[in-house]
Amino acid sequence: MAETPSPFRMDGKHVLITGAGGGIGRSLAKVFRAAGATITGADRDPALLEGMELDHKLVFELTEPEAISKIISNHIAANGAPDALISNAGFTRGEVFEQVDNTVWASEMEINLNGAYYVAAPVVAAMEARGGGNVVFISSVNGLSHFGNPAYSAAKAGLIAFAKGLAVERGYKGIRANVVCPGSVRTPAWDHRIEANPELLKKVLPHYPLGRMVTPEEVAQTVLFLASPAASGVTGAVVPVDAGLTSGNLRFVNEVLKGGE
């Protein structure tokens, strides 16, 4: 009797990952590779992709829509439309409203929202022509509630709206679109913050019901599920991967209701 293939496998599937050279991006590439996918990694600097096990590499800036369109169109002409786009690339700094001006606002929107659109538009069009595909956007808990970074938060909330629009208006074309919203992710970027402020984790972790940050691998595994045949009936979903942060206010419970016990 033939063994039924696992619906979580991506054998024979082509996956395009943006921001592939970052902490989450590298975990995405490893997880999808382990699931059998062919991987195209994209980032703004070829040096960021060095040492990665990728089948194809693309280099572009998210702020350059004409270059993105040309690079992606050429890639699709040579290799076909991806089966899945993992829209992971993004950028922010730790800001509050007093630090936001027109330049900051425009930059955050251009990179985190407009850039995602510039990539997704030609990819989704090619998916439609091919008969289907799916997109997973990496948004943030900042797109669900306010944790600072107001411009970034607005952009990440826009990603959620964009994904839902694709899910509703392109479902009949065989397109699925979903969103993963990480909380604080224990990437190497935190090493520098903790080195600068050794007490930082004592301030961060009490907000998380699991008592820890999530790992890049945990984010990647959730993305894999949404991109895989196992989630074939899921579209327009928004999945927090946040160690419980958006479930409620743990510090309020501990410090107010329990009196700091």
C-alpha atoms as a PDB file:
ATOM      1  CA  MET A   1       0.000   0.000   0.000  1.00  0.00           C
ATOM      2  CA  ALA A   2       1.417   3.367  -1.056  1.00  0.00           C
ATOM      3  CA  GLU A   3       2.247   5.755   1.758  1.00  0.00           C
ATOM      4  CA  THR A   4       0.187   8.966   1.770  1.00  0.00           C
ATOM      5  CA  PRO A   5       2.464  11.989   1.314  1.00  0.00           C
ATOM      6  CA  SER A   6       2.609  14.376   4.270  1.00  0.00           C
ATOM      7  CA  PRO A   7       0.551  17.531   3.622  1.00  0.00           C
ATOM      8  CA  PHE A   8       3.286  19.515   5.370  1.00  0.00           C
ATOM      9  CA  ARG A   9       5.852  18.657   2.692  1.00  0.00           C
ATOM     10  CA  MET A  10       6.809  21.089  -0.084  1.00  0.00           C
ATOM     11  CA  ASP A  11       8.469  18.638  -2.462  1.00  0.00           C
ATOM     12  CA  GLY A  12       8.525  20.007  -5.997  1.00  0.00           C
ATOM     13  CA  LYS A  13       7.372  23.441  -4.810  1.00  0.00           C
ATOM     14  CA  HIS A  14       9.229  26.654  -5.541  1.00  0.00           C
ATOM     15  CA  VAL A  15       9.306  29.200  -2.698  1.00  0.00           C
ATOM     16  CA  LEU A  16      10.477  32.821  -2.942  1.00  0.00           C
ATOM     17  CA  ILE A  17      11.583  34.298   0.390  1.00  0.00           C
ATOM     18  CA  THR A  18      12.314  38.011   0.736  1.00  0.00           C
ATOM     19  CA  GLY A  19      14.620  39.221   3.469  1.00  0.00           C
ATOM     20  CA  ALA A  20      16.169  35.761   3.289  1.00  0.00           C
ATOM     21  CA  GLY A  21      19.474  36.833   4.792  1.00  0.00           C
ATOM     22  CA  GLY A  22      18.030  38.037   8.098  1.00  0.00           C
ATOM     23  CA  GLY A  23      17.453  36.122  11.321  1.00  0.00           C
ATOM     24  CA  ILE A  24      13.924  34.987  10.472  1.00  0.00           C
ATOM     25  CA  GLY A  25      14.748  34.709   6.765  1.00  0.00           C
ATOM     26  CA  ARG A  26      17.551  32.217   7.313  1.00  0.00           C
ATOM     27  CA  SER A  27      15.278  30.061   9.466  1.00  0.00           C
ATOM     28  CA  LEU A  28      12.593  30.232   6.787  1.00  0.00           C
ATOM     29  CA  ALA A  29      15.073  29.013   4.180  1.00  0.00           C
ATOM     30  CA  LYS A  30      16.200  26.122   6.389  1.00  0.00           C
ATOM     31  CA  VAL A  31      12.669  25.040   7.290  1.00  0.00           C
ATOM     32  CA  PHE A  32      11.413  25.135   3.703  1.00  0.00           C
ATOM     33  CA  ARG A  33      14.543  23.362   2.467  1.00  0.00           C
ATOM     34  CA  ALA A  34      13.979  20.597   5.025  1.00  0.00           C
ATOM     35  CA  ALA A  35      10.400  20.301   3.732  1.00  0.00           C
ATOM     36  CA  GLY A  36      11.713  19.665   0.209  1.00  0.00           C
ATOM     37  CA  ALA A  37      11.174  23.036  -1.445  1.00  0.00           C
ATOM     38  CA  THR A  38      13.255  24.748  -4.087  1.00  0.00           C
ATOM     39  CA  ILE A  39      14.314  28.068  -2.557  1.00  0.00           C
ATOM     40  CA  THR A  40      14.833  31.472  -4.125  1.00  0.00           C
ATOM     41  CA  GLY A  41      16.270  33.883  -1.585  1.00  0.00           C
ATOM     42  CA  ALA A  42      16.011  37.632  -2.072  1.00  0.00           C
ATOM     43  CA  ASP A  43      17.686  40.426  -0.139  1.00  0.00           C
ATOM     44  CA  ARG A  44      19.098  43.919  -0.612  1.00  0.00           C
ATOM     45  CA  ASP A  45      22.778  42.886  -0.488  1.00  0.00           C
ATOM     46  CA  PRO A  46      24.311  39.715  -1.956  1.00  0.00           C
ATOM     47  CA  ALA A  47      26.603  39.472   1.071  1.00  0.00           C
ATOM     48  CA  LEU A  48      23.554  38.804   3.239  1.00  0.00           C
ATOM     49  CA  LEU A  49      22.857  35.623   1.248  1.00  0.00           C
ATOM     50  CA  GLU A  50      26.356  34.199   1.468  1.00  0.00           C
ATOM     51  CA  GLY A  51      26.680  30.729   2.949  1.00  0.00           C
ATOM     52  CA  MET A  52      22.993  29.919   2.454  1.00  0.00           C
ATOM     53  CA  GLU A  53      21.713  26.816   0.684  1.00  0.00           C
ATOM     54  CA  LEU A  54      19.682  28.534  -2.022  1.00  0.00           C
ATOM     55  CA  ASP A  55      18.758  27.457  -5.538  1.00  0.00           C
ATOM     56  CA  HIS A  56      18.457  31.039  -6.782  1.00  0.00           C
ATOM     57  CA  LYS A  57      19.442  34.441  -5.410  1.00  0.00           C
ATOM     58  CA  LEU A  58      17.808  37.791  -6.181  1.00  0.00           C
ATOM     59  CA  VAL A  59      19.123  41.166  -5.083  1.00  0.00           C
ATOM     60  CA  PHE A  60      16.973  44.297  -4.989  1.00  0.00           C
ATOM     61  CA  GLU A  61      15.985  47.194  -2.775  1.00  0.00           C
ATOM     62  CA  LEU A  62      12.355  47.276  -1.647  1.00  0.00           C
ATOM     63  CA  THR A  63      12.291  50.991  -2.456  1.00  0.00           C
ATOM     64  CA  GLU A  64      12.897  50.465  -6.199  1.00  0.00           C
ATOM     65  CA  PRO A  65       9.663  49.190  -7.809  1.00  0.00           C
ATOM     66  CA  GLU A  66      10.875  49.298 -11.415  1.00  0.00           C
ATOM     67  CA  ALA A  67      13.983  47.274 -10.606  1.00  0.00           C
ATOM     68  CA  ILE A  68      11.913  44.799  -8.572  1.00  0.00           C
ATOM     69  CA  SER A  69       9.461  44.322 -11.434  1.00  0.00           C
ATOM     70  CA  LYS A  70      12.256  43.688 -13.938  1.00  0.00           C
ATOM     71  CA  ILE A  71      14.214  41.302 -11.698  1.00  0.00           C
ATOM     72  CA  ILE A  72      11.161  39.279 -10.705  1.00  0.00           C
ATOM     73  CA  SER A  73       9.775  39.169 -14.245  1.00  0.00           C
ATOM     74  CA  ASN A  74      13.106  37.853 -15.548  1.00  0.00           C
ATOM     75  CA  HIS A  75      13.281  35.296 -12.739  1.00  0.00           C
ATOM     76  CA  ILE A  76       9.752  34.058 -13.428  1.00  0.00           C
ATOM     77  CA  ALA A  77      10.428  33.874 -17.171  1.00  0.00           C
ATOM     78  CA  ALA A  78      13.419  31.630 -16.469  1.00  0.00           C
ATOM     79  CA  ASN A  79      12.060  29.549 -13.593  1.00  0.00           C
ATOM     80  CA  GLY A  80       8.279  29.839 -13.583  1.00  0.00           C
ATOM     81  CA  ALA A  81       5.995  31.422 -11.002  1.00  0.00           C
ATOM     82  CA  PRO A  82       6.748  30.538  -7.386  1.00  0.00           C
ATOM     83  CA  ASP A  83       4.253  28.287  -5.667  1.00  0.00           C
ATOM     84  CA  ALA A  84       4.628  30.393  -2.545  1.00  0.00           C
ATOM     85  CA  LEU A  85       5.889  33.880  -1.767  1.00  0.00           C
ATOM     86  CA  ILE A  86       7.058  34.487   1.789  1.00  0.00           C
ATOM     87  CA  SER A  87       7.050  38.262   2.150  1.00  0.00           C
ATOM     88  CA  ASN A  88       9.438  38.614   5.060  1.00  0.00           C
ATOM     89  CA  ALA A  89      11.645  41.623   4.307  1.00  0.00           C
ATOM     90  CA  GLY A  90      11.209  44.667   6.504  1.00  0.00           C
ATOM     91  CA  PHE A  91      12.935  47.170   8.745  1.00  0.00           C
ATOM     92  CA  THR A  92      12.332  49.367  11.760  1.00  0.00           C
ATOM     93  CA  ARG A  93      13.962  51.186  14.647  1.00  0.00           C
ATOM     94  CA  GLY A  94      12.657  51.552  18.181  1.00  0.00           C
ATOM     95  CA  GLU A  95      10.600  54.747  18.003  1.00  0.00           C
ATOM     96  CA  VAL A  96       7.801  56.638  19.702  1.00  0.00           C
ATOM     97  CA  PHE A  97       5.722  59.417  18.146  1.00  0.00           C
ATOM     98  CA  GLU A  98       8.164  62.118  19.277  1.00  0.00           C
ATOM     99  CA  GLN A  99      10.776  60.547  17.002  1.00  0.00           C
ATOM    100  CA  VAL A 100       8.534  60.267  13.932  1.00  0.00           C
ATOM    101  CA  ASP A 101       8.647  62.893  11.208  1.00  0.00           C
ATOM    102  CA  ASN A 102       7.697  62.881   7.528  1.00  0.00           C
ATOM    103  CA  THR A 103      10.955  61.217   6.525  1.00  0.00           C
ATOM    104  CA  VAL A 104      10.671  58.440   9.105  1.00  0.00           C
ATOM    105  CA  TRP A 105       7.011  57.817   8.254  1.00  0.00           C
ATOM    106  CA  ALA A 106       7.655  57.672   4.508  1.00  0.00           C
ATOM    107  CA  SER A 107      10.651  55.352   4.938  1.00  0.00           C
ATOM    108  CA  GLU A 108       8.783  52.873   7.146  1.00  0.00           C
ATOM    109  CA  MET A 109       5.823  52.793   4.754  1.00  0.00           C
ATOM    110  CA  GLU A 110       7.987  52.436   1.673  1.00  0.00           C
ATOM    111  CA  ILE A 111      10.013  49.526   3.023  1.00  0.00           C
ATOM    112  CA  ASN A 112       7.466  47.618   5.098  1.00  0.00           C
ATOM    113  CA  LEU A 113       4.238  48.101   3.129  1.00  0.00           C
ATOM    114  CA  ASN A 114       4.915  49.483  -0.338  1.00  0.00           C
ATOM    115  CA  GLY A 115       7.935  47.220  -0.808  1.00  0.00           C
ATOM    116  CA  ALA A 116       5.843  44.161   0.027  1.00  0.00           C
ATOM    117  CA  TYR A 117       3.309  45.279  -2.593  1.00  0.00           C
ATOM    118  CA  TYR A 118       6.011  45.887  -5.228  1.00  0.00           C
ATOM    119  CA  VAL A 119       7.170  42.281  -4.837  1.00  0.00           C
ATOM    120  CA  ALA A 120       3.781  40.641  -4.422  1.00  0.00           C
ATOM    121  CA  ALA A 121       2.055  42.303  -7.372  1.00  0.00           C
ATOM    122  CA  PRO A 122       4.099  40.679 -10.182  1.00  0.00           C
ATOM    123  CA  VAL A 123       4.409  37.387  -8.305  1.00  0.00           C
ATOM    124  CA  VAL A 124       0.664  37.089  -7.676  1.00  0.00           C
ATOM    125  CA  ALA A 125      -0.066  37.994 -11.318  1.00  0.00           C
ATOM    126  CA  ALA A 126       2.204  35.149 -12.438  1.00  0.00           C
ATOM    127  CA  MET A 127       0.601  32.787  -9.924  1.00  0.00           C
ATOM    128  CA  GLU A 128      -2.828  33.643 -11.296  1.00  0.00           C
ATOM    129  CA  ALA A 129      -1.684  32.984 -14.864  1.00  0.00           C
ATOM    130  CA  ARG A 130      -0.249  29.649 -13.748  1.00  0.00           C
ATOM    131  CA  GLY A 131      -3.464  28.659 -11.929  1.00  0.00           C
ATOM    132  CA  GLY A 132      -2.800  29.442  -8.266  1.00  0.00           C
ATOM    133  CA  GLY A 133      -0.330  29.982  -5.469  1.00  0.00           C
ATOM    134  CA  ASN A 134      -0.124  31.478  -2.039  1.00  0.00           C
ATOM    135  CA  VAL A 135       1.478  34.326  -0.143  1.00  0.00           C
ATOM    136  CA  VAL A 136       2.429  34.501   3.519  1.00  0.00           C
ATOM    137  CA  PHE A 137       3.192  37.977   4.832  1.00  0.00           C
ATOM    138  CA  ILE A 138       5.347  38.436   7.915  1.00  0.00           C
ATOM    139  CA  SER A 139       3.626  41.252   9.748  1.00  0.00           C
ATOM    140  CA  SER A 140       4.036  41.845  13.485  1.00  0.00           C
ATOM    141  CA  VAL A 141       2.113  42.033  16.742  1.00  0.00           C
ATOM    142  CA  ASN A 142       2.596  45.781  16.166  1.00  0.00           C
ATOM    143  CA  GLY A 143       0.015  45.453  13.416  1.00  0.00           C
ATOM    144  CA  LEU A 144      -2.519  44.130  15.942  1.00  0.00           C
ATOM    145  CA  SER A 145      -1.922  46.344  18.991  1.00  0.00           C
ATOM    146  CA  HIS A 146       0.322  49.245  19.841  1.00  0.00           C
ATOM    147  CA  PHE A 147       3.736  48.455  21.316  1.00  0.00           C
ATOM    148  CA  GLY A 148       5.543  51.550  20.086  1.00  0.00           C
ATOM    149  CA  ASN A 149       7.058  52.070  16.617  1.00  0.00           C
ATOM    150  CA  PRO A 150       3.956  53.911  15.300  1.00  0.00           C
ATOM    151  CA  ALA A 151       5.010  54.198  11.638  1.00  0.00           C
ATOM    152  CA  TYR A 152       6.145  50.571  11.511  1.00  0.00           C
ATOM    153  CA  SER A 153       2.921  49.517  13.242  1.00  0.00           C
ATOM    154  CA  ALA A 154       0.799  51.319  10.663  1.00  0.00           C
ATOM    155  CA  ALA A 155       2.732  49.661   7.840  1.00  0.00           C
ATOM    156  CA  LYS A 156       2.403  46.201   9.393  1.00  0.00           C
ATOM    157  CA  ALA A 157      -1.337  46.729   9.908  1.00  0.00           C
ATOM    158  CA  GLY A 158      -1.472  47.642   6.234  1.00  0.00           C
ATOM    159  CA  LEU A 159       0.084  44.291   5.364  1.00  0.00           C
ATOM    160  CA  ILE A 160      -2.776  42.556   7.152  1.00  0.00           C
ATOM    161  CA  ALA A 161      -5.315  44.549   5.141  1.00  0.00           C
ATOM    162  CA  PHE A 162      -3.410  43.810   1.927  1.00  0.00           C
ATOM    163  CA  ALA A 163      -3.410  40.076   2.642  1.00  0.00           C
ATOM    164  CA  LYS A 164      -7.122  40.054   3.379  1.00  0.00           C
ATOM    165  CA  GLY A 165      -7.765  41.951   0.145  1.00  0.00           C
ATOM    166  CA  LEU A 166      -5.854  39.341  -1.845  1.00  0.00           C
ATOM    167  CA  ALA A 167      -7.656  36.536  -0.030  1.00  0.00           C
ATOM    168  CA  VAL A 168     -11.077  37.993  -0.818  1.00  0.00           C
ATOM    169  CA  GLU A 169     -10.531  39.263  -4.348  1.00  0.00           C
ATOM    170  CA  ARG A 170      -8.134  36.646  -5.679  1.00  0.00           C
ATOM    171  CA  GLY A 171      -9.423  33.470  -4.077  1.00  0.00           C
ATOM    172  CA  TYR A 172     -11.322  32.601  -7.235  1.00  0.00           C
ATOM    173  CA  LYS A 173      -7.996  32.683  -9.060  1.00  0.00           C
ATOM    174  CA  GLY A 174      -6.568  30.047  -6.721  1.00  0.00           C
ATOM    175  CA  ILE A 175      -4.616  32.512  -4.596  1.00  0.00           C
ATOM    176  CA  ARG A 176      -4.343  32.112  -0.823  1.00  0.00           C
ATOM    177  CA  ALA A 177      -2.947  34.913   1.355  1.00  0.00           C
ATOM    178  CA  ASN A 178      -2.243  34.682   5.080  1.00  0.00           C
ATOM    179  CA  VAL A 179      -0.325  36.602   7.720  1.00  0.00           C
ATOM    180  CA  VAL A 180       2.011  35.627  10.547  1.00  0.00           C
ATOM    181  CA  CYS A 181       2.487  38.188  13.330  1.00  0.00           C
ATOM    182  CA  PRO A 182       5.604  37.533  15.415  1.00  0.00           C
ATOM    183  CA  GLY A 183       6.205  39.136  18.761  1.00  0.00           C
ATOM    184  CA  SER A 184       9.768  39.640  19.960  1.00  0.00           C
ATOM    185  CA  VAL A 185      11.877  37.046  18.160  1.00  0.00           C
ATOM    186  CA  ARG A 186      15.192  35.907  19.648  1.00  0.00           C
ATOM    187  CA  THR A 187      17.365  36.694  16.648  1.00  0.00           C
ATOM    188  CA  PRO A 188      21.032  37.761  16.827  1.00  0.00           C
ATOM    189  CA  ALA A 189      19.828  41.391  16.762  1.00  0.00           C
ATOM    190  CA  TRP A 190      18.892  40.964  20.422  1.00  0.00           C
ATOM    191  CA  ASP A 191      22.467  40.093  21.356  1.00  0.00           C
ATOM    192  CA  HIS A 192      23.547  43.686  20.787  1.00  0.00           C
ATOM    193  CA  ARG A 193      20.599  45.073  22.745  1.00  0.00           C
ATOM    194  CA  ILE A 194      21.234  42.776  25.689  1.00  0.00           C
ATOM    195  CA  GLU A 195      24.952  43.536  25.615  1.00  0.00           C
ATOM    196  CA  ALA A 196      24.146  47.242  25.799  1.00  0.00           C
ATOM    197  CA  ASN A 197      21.521  46.715  28.506  1.00  0.00           C
ATOM    198  CA  PRO A 198      21.934  43.461  30.488  1.00  0.00           C
ATOM    199  CA  GLU A 199      18.678  44.171  32.376  1.00  0.00           C
ATOM    200  CA  LEU A 200      16.604  44.380  29.199  1.00  0.00           C
ATOM    201  CA  LEU A 201      15.207  40.837  29.290  1.00  0.00           C
ATOM    202  CA  LYS A 202      13.962  41.361  32.841  1.00  0.00           C
ATOM    203  CA  LYS A 203      11.778  44.149  31.458  1.00  0.00           C
ATOM    204  CA  VAL A 204      10.677  42.313  28.301  1.00  0.00           C
ATOM    205  CA  LEU A 205       9.853  38.779  29.435  1.00  0.00           C
ATOM    206  CA  PRO A 206       7.176  39.614  32.069  1.00  0.00           C
ATOM    207  CA  HIS A 207       4.920  40.681  29.187  1.00  0.00           C
ATOM    208  CA  TYR A 208       4.971  37.188  27.644  1.00  0.00           C
ATOM    209  CA  PRO A 209       2.729  34.443  29.112  1.00  0.00           C
ATOM    210  CA  LEU A 210       5.193  31.750  28.021  1.00  0.00           C
ATOM    211  CA  GLY A 211       7.926  33.614  29.845  1.00  0.00           C
ATOM    212  CA  ARG A 212      10.196  33.788  26.819  1.00  0.00           C
ATOM    213  CA  MET A 213      10.536  35.134  23.314  1.00  0.00           C
ATOM    214  CA  VAL A 214       9.722  32.956  20.337  1.00  0.00           C
ATOM    215  CA  THR A 215      12.520  31.587  18.174  1.00  0.00           C
ATOM    216  CA  PRO A 216      12.990  32.240  14.452  1.00  0.00           C
ATOM    217  CA  GLU A 217      12.356  28.527  13.888  1.00  0.00           C
ATOM    218  CA  GLU A 218       8.941  28.760  15.561  1.00  0.00           C
ATOM    219  CA  VAL A 219       7.973  31.602  13.252  1.00  0.00           C
ATOM    220  CA  ALA A 220       9.263  29.686  10.222  1.00  0.00           C
ATOM    221  CA  GLN A 221       7.363  26.520  11.135  1.00  0.00           C
ATOM    222  CA  THR A 222       4.105  28.459  11.328  1.00  0.00           C
ATOM    223  CA  VAL A 223       4.815  30.016   7.948  1.00  0.00           C
ATOM    224  CA  LEU A 224       5.547  26.567   6.515  1.00  0.00           C
ATOM    225  CA  PHE A 225       2.160  25.321   7.689  1.00  0.00           C
ATOM    226  CA  LEU A 226       0.330  28.235   6.039  1.00  0.00           C
ATOM    227  CA  ALA A 227       2.267  27.804   2.790  1.00  0.00           C
ATOM    228  CA  SER A 228       1.875  24.028   2.678  1.00  0.00           C
ATOM    229  CA  PRO A 229      -0.964  21.850   1.353  1.00  0.00           C
ATOM    230  CA  ALA A 230      -1.891  21.230   5.008  1.00  0.00           C
ATOM    231  CA  ALA A 231      -3.423  24.742   5.041  1.00  0.00           C
ATOM    232  CA  SER A 232      -5.146  24.445   1.654  1.00  0.00           C
ATOM    233  CA  GLY A 233      -8.436  25.686   3.119  1.00  0.00           C
ATOM    234  CA  VAL A 234      -6.907  28.591   5.039  1.00  0.00           C
ATOM    235  CA  THR A 235      -6.846  32.090   3.563  1.00  0.00           C
ATOM    236  CA  GLY A 236      -7.158  35.561   5.039  1.00  0.00           C
ATOM    237  CA  ALA A 237      -5.976  34.255   8.414  1.00  0.00           C
ATOM    238  CA  VAL A 238      -3.827  36.239  10.834  1.00  0.00           C
ATOM    239  CA  VAL A 239      -1.748  34.064  13.166  1.00  0.00           C
ATOM    240  CA  PRO A 240       0.196  35.568  16.075  1.00  0.00           C
ATOM    241  CA  VAL A 241       3.407  33.743  16.977  1.00  0.00           C
ATOM    242  CA  ASP A 242       4.101  35.780  20.077  1.00  0.00           C
ATOM    243  CA  ALA A 243       4.412  33.574  23.176  1.00  0.00           C
ATOM    244  CA  GLY A 244       0.930  34.771  24.167  1.00  0.00           C
ATOM    245  CA  LEU A 245       1.622  38.533  24.132  1.00  0.00           C
ATOM    246  CA  THR A 246      -1.575  39.530  22.309  1.00  0.00           C
ATOM    247  CA  SER A 247      -3.757  37.166  24.354  1.00  0.00           C
ATOM    248  CA  GLY A 248      -3.950  39.691  27.182  1.00  0.00           C
ATOM    249  CA  ASN A 249      -2.027  41.804  29.632  1.00  0.00           C
ATOM    250  CA  LEU A 250       0.012  39.459  31.830  1.00  0.00           C
ATOM    251  CA  ARG A 251       1.707  42.287  33.719  1.00  0.00           C
ATOM    252  CA  PHE A 252      -1.685  43.747  34.655  1.00  0.00           C
ATOM    253  CA  VAL A 253      -2.749  40.373  36.030  1.00  0.00           C
ATOM    254  CA  ASN A 254       0.467  39.884  37.989  1.00  0.00           C
ATOM    255  CA  GLU A 255       1.051  43.422  39.188  1.00  0.00           C
ATOM    256  CA  VAL A 256      -2.502  44.662  39.750  1.00  0.00           C
ATOM    257  CA  LEU A 257      -4.748  41.668  40.380  1.00  0.00           C
ATOM    258  CA  LYS A 258      -2.128  39.585  42.152  1.00  0.00           C
ATOM    259  CA  GLY A 259      -0.474  42.585  43.742  1.00  0.00           C
ATOM    260  CA  GLY A 260       2.988  41.745  42.508  1.00  0.00           C
ATOM    261  CA  GLU A 261       3.102  38.320  44.125  1.00  0.00           C
END
